[in-house]
Amino acid sequence: MKKILLEETKLGKSIAVSCELVEDEIGLYIAAADVSAICVFRFEEWENFVRAVSKANAKFKGLFR
């Protein structure tokens, strides 16, 4: 059964993201004007991905303090 975790969400002028759960996998969809990507994660991989992005985001924010 598919469950929508994030409806298609526009991030900028020409980029959008969405996310869904299908059985034991999480699908992340990124669509831009020039390229699209689909990444499929198992639960543990998803947790690792979220931690990595959070770490990068914290460093990014630290650049502007």
PDB file of N, CA and C in Angstrom:
ATOM      1  N   MET A   1       0.840  -1.177   0.000  1.00  0.00           N
ATOM      2  CA  MET A   1       0.000   0.000   0.000  1.00  0.00           C
ATOM      3  C   MET A   1       0.893   1.251   0.000  1.00  0.00           C
ATOM      4  N   LYS A   2       0.579   2.196  -0.832  1.00  0.00           N
ATOM      5  CA  LYS A   2       1.342   3.440  -0.937  1.00  0.00           C
ATOM      6  C   LYS A   2       0.740   4.501  -0.027  1.00  0.00           C
ATOM      7  N   LYS A   3       1.629   5.190   0.706  1.00  0.00           N
ATOM      8  CA  LYS A   3       1.201   6.293   1.565  1.00  0.00           C
ATOM      9  C   LYS A   3       2.039   7.511   1.206  1.00  0.00           C
ATOM     10  N   ILE A   4       1.382   8.612   0.949  1.00  0.00           N
ATOM     11  CA  ILE A   4       2.069   9.860   0.620  1.00  0.00           C
ATOM     12  C   ILE A   4       2.612  10.471   1.914  1.00  0.00           C
ATOM     13  N   LEU A   5       3.921  10.658   1.969  1.00  0.00           N
ATOM     14  CA  LEU A   5       4.546  11.303   3.124  1.00  0.00           C
ATOM     15  C   LEU A   5       4.667  12.805   2.908  1.00  0.00           C
ATOM     16  N   LEU A   6       4.865  13.210   1.643  1.00  0.00           N
ATOM     17  CA  LEU A   6       4.956  14.624   1.293  1.00  0.00           C
ATOM     18  C   LEU A   6       4.394  14.799  -0.111  1.00  0.00           C
ATOM     19  N   GLU A   7       3.297  15.537  -0.210  1.00  0.00           N
ATOM     20  CA  GLU A   7       2.751  15.868  -1.528  1.00  0.00           C
ATOM     21  C   GLU A   7       3.804  16.648  -2.305  1.00  0.00           C
ATOM     22  N   GLU A   8       3.680  16.678  -3.617  1.00  0.00           N
ATOM     23  CA  GLU A   8       4.629  17.450  -4.409  1.00  0.00           C
ATOM     24  C   GLU A   8       4.673  18.878  -3.880  1.00  0.00           C
ATOM     25  N   THR A   9       5.870  19.300  -3.503  1.00  0.00           N
ATOM     26  CA  THR A   9       6.071  20.599  -2.883  1.00  0.00           C
ATOM     27  C   THR A   9       7.081  21.386  -3.694  1.00  0.00           C
ATOM     28  N   LYS A  10       6.676  22.544  -4.151  1.00  0.00           N
ATOM     29  CA  LYS A  10       7.561  23.398  -4.936  1.00  0.00           C
ATOM     30  C   LYS A  10       8.570  24.048  -3.997  1.00  0.00           C
ATOM     31  N   LEU A  11       9.861  23.887  -4.315  1.00  0.00           N
ATOM     32  CA  LEU A  11      10.927  24.443  -3.484  1.00  0.00           C
ATOM     33  C   LEU A  11      11.450  25.760  -4.028  1.00  0.00           C
ATOM     34  N   GLY A  12      11.230  25.989  -5.281  1.00  0.00           N
ATOM     35  CA  GLY A  12      11.707  27.199  -5.938  1.00  0.00           C
ATOM     36  C   GLY A  12      11.017  27.343  -7.269  1.00  0.00           C
ATOM     37  N   LYS A  13      11.578  28.197  -8.099  1.00  0.00           N
ATOM     38  CA  LYS A  13      10.953  28.491  -9.385  1.00  0.00           C
ATOM     39  C   LYS A  13      10.818  27.252 -10.270  1.00  0.00           C
ATOM     40  N   SER A  14      11.836  26.380 -10.253  1.00  0.00           N
ATOM     41  CA  SER A  14      11.793  25.235 -11.161  1.00  0.00           C
ATOM     42  C   SER A  14      12.242  23.931 -10.512  1.00  0.00           C
ATOM     43  N   ILE A  15      11.976  23.767  -9.212  1.00  0.00           N
ATOM     44  CA  ILE A  15      12.327  22.517  -8.532  1.00  0.00           C
ATOM     45  C   ILE A  15      11.233  22.141  -7.536  1.00  0.00           C
ATOM     46  N   ALA A  16      10.916  20.839  -7.506  1.00  0.00           N
ATOM     47  CA  ALA A  16       9.892  20.331  -6.605  1.00  0.00           C
ATOM     48  C   ALA A  16      10.350  18.996  -6.028  1.00  0.00           C
ATOM     49  N   VAL A  17       9.766  18.636  -4.894  1.00  0.00           N
ATOM     50  CA  VAL A  17      10.113  17.383  -4.226  1.00  0.00           C
ATOM     51  C   VAL A  17       8.833  16.735  -3.715  1.00  0.00           C
ATOM     52  N   SER A  18       8.832  15.399  -3.667  1.00  0.00           N
ATOM     53  CA  SER A  18       7.739  14.655  -3.049  1.00  0.00           C
ATOM     54  C   SER A  18       8.317  13.387  -2.442  1.00  0.00           C
ATOM     55  N   CYS A  19       7.531  12.736  -1.576  1.00  0.00           N
ATOM     56  CA  CYS A  19       8.025  11.555  -0.874  1.00  0.00           C
ATOM     57  C   CYS A  19       6.860  10.631  -0.581  1.00  0.00           C
ATOM     58  N   GLU A  20       7.107   9.315  -0.726  1.00  0.00           N
ATOM     59  CA  GLU A  20       6.049   8.348  -0.445  1.00  0.00           C
ATOM     60  C   GLU A  20       6.629   7.086   0.172  1.00  0.00           C
ATOM     61  N   LEU A  21       5.781   6.355   0.867  1.00  0.00           N
ATOM     62  CA  LEU A  21       6.134   5.095   1.491  1.00  0.00           C
ATOM     63  C   LEU A  21       5.400   3.981   0.760  1.00  0.00           C
ATOM     64  N   VAL A  22       6.148   2.976   0.317  1.00  0.00           N
ATOM     65  CA  VAL A  22       5.556   1.798  -0.318  1.00  0.00           C
ATOM     66  C   VAL A  22       6.169   0.582   0.368  1.00  0.00           C
ATOM     67  N   GLU A  23       5.335  -0.133   1.116  1.00  0.00           N
ATOM     68  CA  GLU A  23       5.773  -1.283   1.902  1.00  0.00           C
ATOM     69  C   GLU A  23       6.929  -0.898   2.813  1.00  0.00           C
ATOM     70  N   ASP A  24       8.136  -1.394   2.570  1.00  0.00           N
ATOM     71  CA  ASP A  24       9.259  -1.097   3.464  1.00  0.00           C
ATOM     72  C   ASP A  24      10.296  -0.179   2.825  1.00  0.00           C
ATOM     73  N   GLU A  25       9.859   0.620   1.861  1.00  0.00           N
ATOM     74  CA  GLU A  25      10.772   1.536   1.182  1.00  0.00           C
ATOM     75  C   GLU A  25      10.169   2.939   1.107  1.00  0.00           C
ATOM     76  N   ILE A  26      11.053   3.923   1.196  1.00  0.00           N
ATOM     77  CA  ILE A  26      10.654   5.325   1.099  1.00  0.00           C
ATOM     78  C   ILE A  26      11.208   5.866  -0.213  1.00  0.00           C
ATOM     79  N   GLY A  27      10.338   6.421  -1.022  1.00  0.00           N
ATOM     80  CA  GLY A  27      10.743   7.005  -2.299  1.00  0.00           C
ATOM     81  C   GLY A  27      10.793   8.518  -2.205  1.00  0.00           C
ATOM     82  N   LEU A  28      11.922   9.068  -2.601  1.00  0.00           N
ATOM     83  CA  LEU A  28      12.116  10.512  -2.633  1.00  0.00           C
ATOM     84  C   LEU A  28      12.232  10.930  -4.085  1.00  0.00           C
ATOM     85  N   TYR A  29      11.408  11.854  -4.510  1.00  0.00           N
ATOM     86  CA  TYR A  29      11.362  12.304  -5.896  1.00  0.00           C
ATOM     87  C   TYR A  29      11.744  13.773  -5.958  1.00  0.00           C
ATOM     88  N   ILE A  30      12.713  14.076  -6.803  1.00  0.00           N
ATOM     89  CA  ILE A  30      13.143  15.457  -6.995  1.00  0.00           C
ATOM     90  C   ILE A  30      13.022  15.764  -8.485  1.00  0.00           C
ATOM     91  N   ALA A  31      12.306  16.805  -8.816  1.00  0.00           N
ATOM     92  CA  ALA A  31      12.107  17.188 -10.213  1.00  0.00           C
ATOM     93  C   ALA A  31      12.517  18.639 -10.411  1.00  0.00           C
ATOM     94  N   ALA A  32      13.387  18.849 -11.382  1.00  0.00           N
ATOM     95  CA  ALA A  32      13.832  20.193 -11.736  1.00  0.00           C
ATOM     96  C   ALA A  32      13.623  20.377 -13.234  1.00  0.00           C
ATOM     97  N   ALA A  33      13.814  21.579 -13.700  1.00  0.00           N
ATOM     98  CA  ALA A  33      13.599  21.868 -15.113  1.00  0.00           C
ATOM     99  C   ALA A  33      14.522  21.051 -16.004  1.00  0.00           C
ATOM    100  N   ASP A  34      15.745  20.793 -15.532  1.00  0.00           N
ATOM    101  CA  ASP A  34      16.728  20.127 -16.394  1.00  0.00           C
ATOM    102  C   ASP A  34      17.028  18.684 -16.019  1.00  0.00           C
ATOM    103  N   VAL A  35      16.571  18.211 -14.855  1.00  0.00           N
ATOM    104  CA  VAL A  35      16.871  16.841 -14.432  1.00  0.00           C
ATOM    105  C   VAL A  35      15.867  16.398 -13.370  1.00  0.00           C
ATOM    106  N   SER A  36      15.639  15.094 -13.303  1.00  0.00           N
ATOM    107  CA  SER A  36      14.792  14.523 -12.262  1.00  0.00           C
ATOM    108  C   SER A  36      15.523  13.345 -11.637  1.00  0.00           C
ATOM    109  N   ALA A  37      15.212  13.061 -10.373  1.00  0.00           N
ATOM    110  CA  ALA A  37      15.855  11.946  -9.688  1.00  0.00           C
ATOM    111  C   ALA A  37      14.856  11.248  -8.777  1.00  0.00           C
ATOM    112  N   ILE A  38      15.020   9.935  -8.679  1.00  0.00           N
ATOM    113  CA  ILE A  38      14.243   9.128  -7.748  1.00  0.00           C
ATOM    114  C   ILE A  38      15.240   8.347  -6.912  1.00  0.00           C
ATOM    115  N   CYS A  39      15.119   8.469  -5.609  1.00  0.00           N
ATOM    116  CA  CYS A  39      15.952   7.694  -4.690  1.00  0.00           C
ATOM    117  C   CYS A  39      15.027   6.845  -3.832  1.00  0.00           C
ATOM    118  N   VAL A  40      15.371   5.575  -3.681  1.00  0.00           N
ATOM    119  CA  VAL A  40      14.576   4.668  -2.862  1.00  0.00           C
ATOM    120  C   VAL A  40      15.428   4.227  -1.683  1.00  0.00           C
ATOM    121  N   PHE A  41      14.871   4.373  -0.482  1.00  0.00           N
ATOM    122  CA  PHE A  41      15.590   4.068   0.748  1.00  0.00           C
ATOM    123  C   PHE A  41      14.848   3.013   1.555  1.00  0.00           C
ATOM    124  N   ARG A  42      15.582   2.125   2.181  1.00  0.00           N
ATOM    125  CA  ARG A  42      15.017   1.280   3.231  1.00  0.00           C
ATOM    126  C   ARG A  42      14.995   2.147   4.486  1.00  0.00           C
ATOM    127  N   PHE A  43      14.268   1.711   5.525  1.00  0.00           N
ATOM    128  CA  PHE A  43      14.081   2.555   6.700  1.00  0.00           C
ATOM    129  C   PHE A  43      15.398   3.006   7.314  1.00  0.00           C
ATOM    130  N   GLU A  44      16.348   2.114   7.521  1.00  0.00           N
ATOM    131  CA  GLU A  44      17.625   2.475   8.131  1.00  0.00           C
ATOM    132  C   GLU A  44      18.392   3.449   7.239  1.00  0.00           C
ATOM    133  N   GLU A  45      18.342   3.225   5.938  1.00  0.00           N
ATOM    134  CA  GLU A  45      19.015   4.136   5.003  1.00  0.00           C
ATOM    135  C   GLU A  45      18.382   5.517   5.056  1.00  0.00           C
ATOM    136  N   TRP A  46      17.061   5.563   5.178  1.00  0.00           N
ATOM    137  CA  TRP A  46      16.350   6.840   5.262  1.00  0.00           C
ATOM    138  C   TRP A  46      16.800   7.616   6.497  1.00  0.00           C
ATOM    139  N   GLU A  47      16.874   6.927   7.646  1.00  0.00           N
ATOM    140  CA  GLU A  47      17.326   7.583   8.874  1.00  0.00           C
ATOM    141  C   GLU A  47      18.736   8.136   8.699  1.00  0.00           C
ATOM    142  N   ASN A  48      19.614   7.369   8.063  1.00  0.00           N
ATOM    143  CA  ASN A  48      20.981   7.834   7.816  1.00  0.00           C
ATOM    144  C   ASN A  48      20.991   9.033   6.875  1.00  0.00           C
ATOM    145  N   PHE A  49      20.148   9.009   5.855  1.00  0.00           N
ATOM    146  CA  PHE A  49      20.044  10.113   4.906  1.00  0.00           C
ATOM    147  C   PHE A  49      19.575  11.387   5.606  1.00  0.00           C
ATOM    148  N   VAL A  50      18.543  11.273   6.424  1.00  0.00           N
ATOM    149  CA  VAL A  50      18.001  12.436   7.143  1.00  0.00           C
ATOM    150  C   VAL A  50      19.055  13.015   8.081  1.00  0.00           C
ATOM    151  N   ARG A  51      19.793  12.152   8.792  1.00  0.00           N
ATOM    152  CA  ARG A  51      20.857  12.634   9.672  1.00  0.00           C
ATOM    153  C   ARG A  51      21.940  13.358   8.884  1.00  0.00           C
ATOM    154  N   ALA A  52      22.319  12.804   7.737  1.00  0.00           N
ATOM    155  CA  ALA A  52      23.366  13.423   6.916  1.00  0.00           C
ATOM    156  C   ALA A  52      22.928  14.789   6.392  1.00  0.00           C
ATOM    157  N   VAL A  53      21.680  14.880   5.915  1.00  0.00           N
ATOM    158  CA  VAL A  53      21.172  16.161   5.415  1.00  0.00           C
ATOM    159  C   VAL A  53      21.061  17.165   6.560  1.00  0.00           C
ATOM    160  N   SER A  54      20.630  16.728   7.716  1.00  0.00           N
ATOM    161  CA  SER A  54      20.544  17.620   8.882  1.00  0.00           C
ATOM    162  C   SER A  54      21.922  18.142   9.272  1.00  0.00           C
ATOM    163  N   LYS A  55      22.925  17.278   9.209  1.00  0.00           N
ATOM    164  CA  LYS A  55      24.296  17.682   9.528  1.00  0.00           C
ATOM    165  C   LYS A  55      24.784  18.727   8.515  1.00  0.00           C
ATOM    166  N   ALA A  56      24.545  18.481   7.233  1.00  0.00           N
ATOM    167  CA  ALA A  56      24.936  19.446   6.203  1.00  0.00           C
ATOM    168  C   ALA A  56      24.195  20.762   6.387  1.00  0.00           C
ATOM    169  N   ASN A  57      22.921  20.697   6.739  1.00  0.00           N
ATOM    170  CA  ASN A  57      22.129  21.902   6.943  1.00  0.00           C
ATOM    171  C   ASN A  57      22.653  22.713   8.122  1.00  0.00           C
ATOM    172  N   ALA A  58      23.042  22.039   9.194  1.00  0.00           N
ATOM    173  CA  ALA A  58      23.595  22.742  10.356  1.00  0.00           C
ATOM    174  C   ALA A  58      24.886  23.457   9.984  1.00  0.00           C
ATOM    175  N   LYS A  59      25.742  22.807   9.206  1.00  0.00           N
ATOM    176  CA  LYS A  59      26.981  23.446   8.765  1.00  0.00           C
ATOM    177  C   LYS A  59      26.688  24.626   7.857  1.00  0.00           C
ATOM    178  N   PHE A  60      25.706  24.472   6.967  1.00  0.00           N
ATOM    179  CA  PHE A  60      25.302  25.549   6.068  1.00  0.00           C
ATOM    180  C   PHE A  60      24.839  26.763   6.871  1.00  0.00           C
ATOM    181  N   LYS A  61      23.965  26.535   7.841  1.00  0.00           N
ATOM    182  CA  LYS A  61      23.465  27.636   8.662  1.00  0.00           C
ATOM    183  C   LYS A  61      24.591  28.309   9.437  1.00  0.00           C
ATOM    184  N   GLY A  62      25.586  27.518   9.863  1.00  0.00           N
ATOM    185  CA  GLY A  62      26.724  28.059  10.600  1.00  0.00           C
ATOM    186  C   GLY A  62      27.574  29.008   9.762  1.00  0.00           C
ATOM    187  N   LEU A  63      27.525  28.852   8.453  1.00  0.00           N
ATOM    188  CA  LEU A  63      28.284  29.743   7.585  1.00  0.00           C
ATOM    189  C   LEU A  63      27.771  31.171   7.599  1.00  0.00           C
ATOM    190  N   PHE A  64      26.522  31.362   7.989  1.00  0.00           N
ATOM    191  CA  PHE A  64      25.881  32.676   7.904  1.00  0.00           C
ATOM    192  C   PHE A  64      25.572  33.280   9.273  1.00  0.00           C
ATOM    193  N   ARG A  65      26.182  32.768  10.300  1.00  0.00           N
ATOM    194  CA  ARG A  65      25.942  33.322  11.657  1.00  0.00           C
ATOM    195  C   ARG A  65      26.881  34.437  11.953  1.00  0.00           C
TER     196      ARG A  65
END
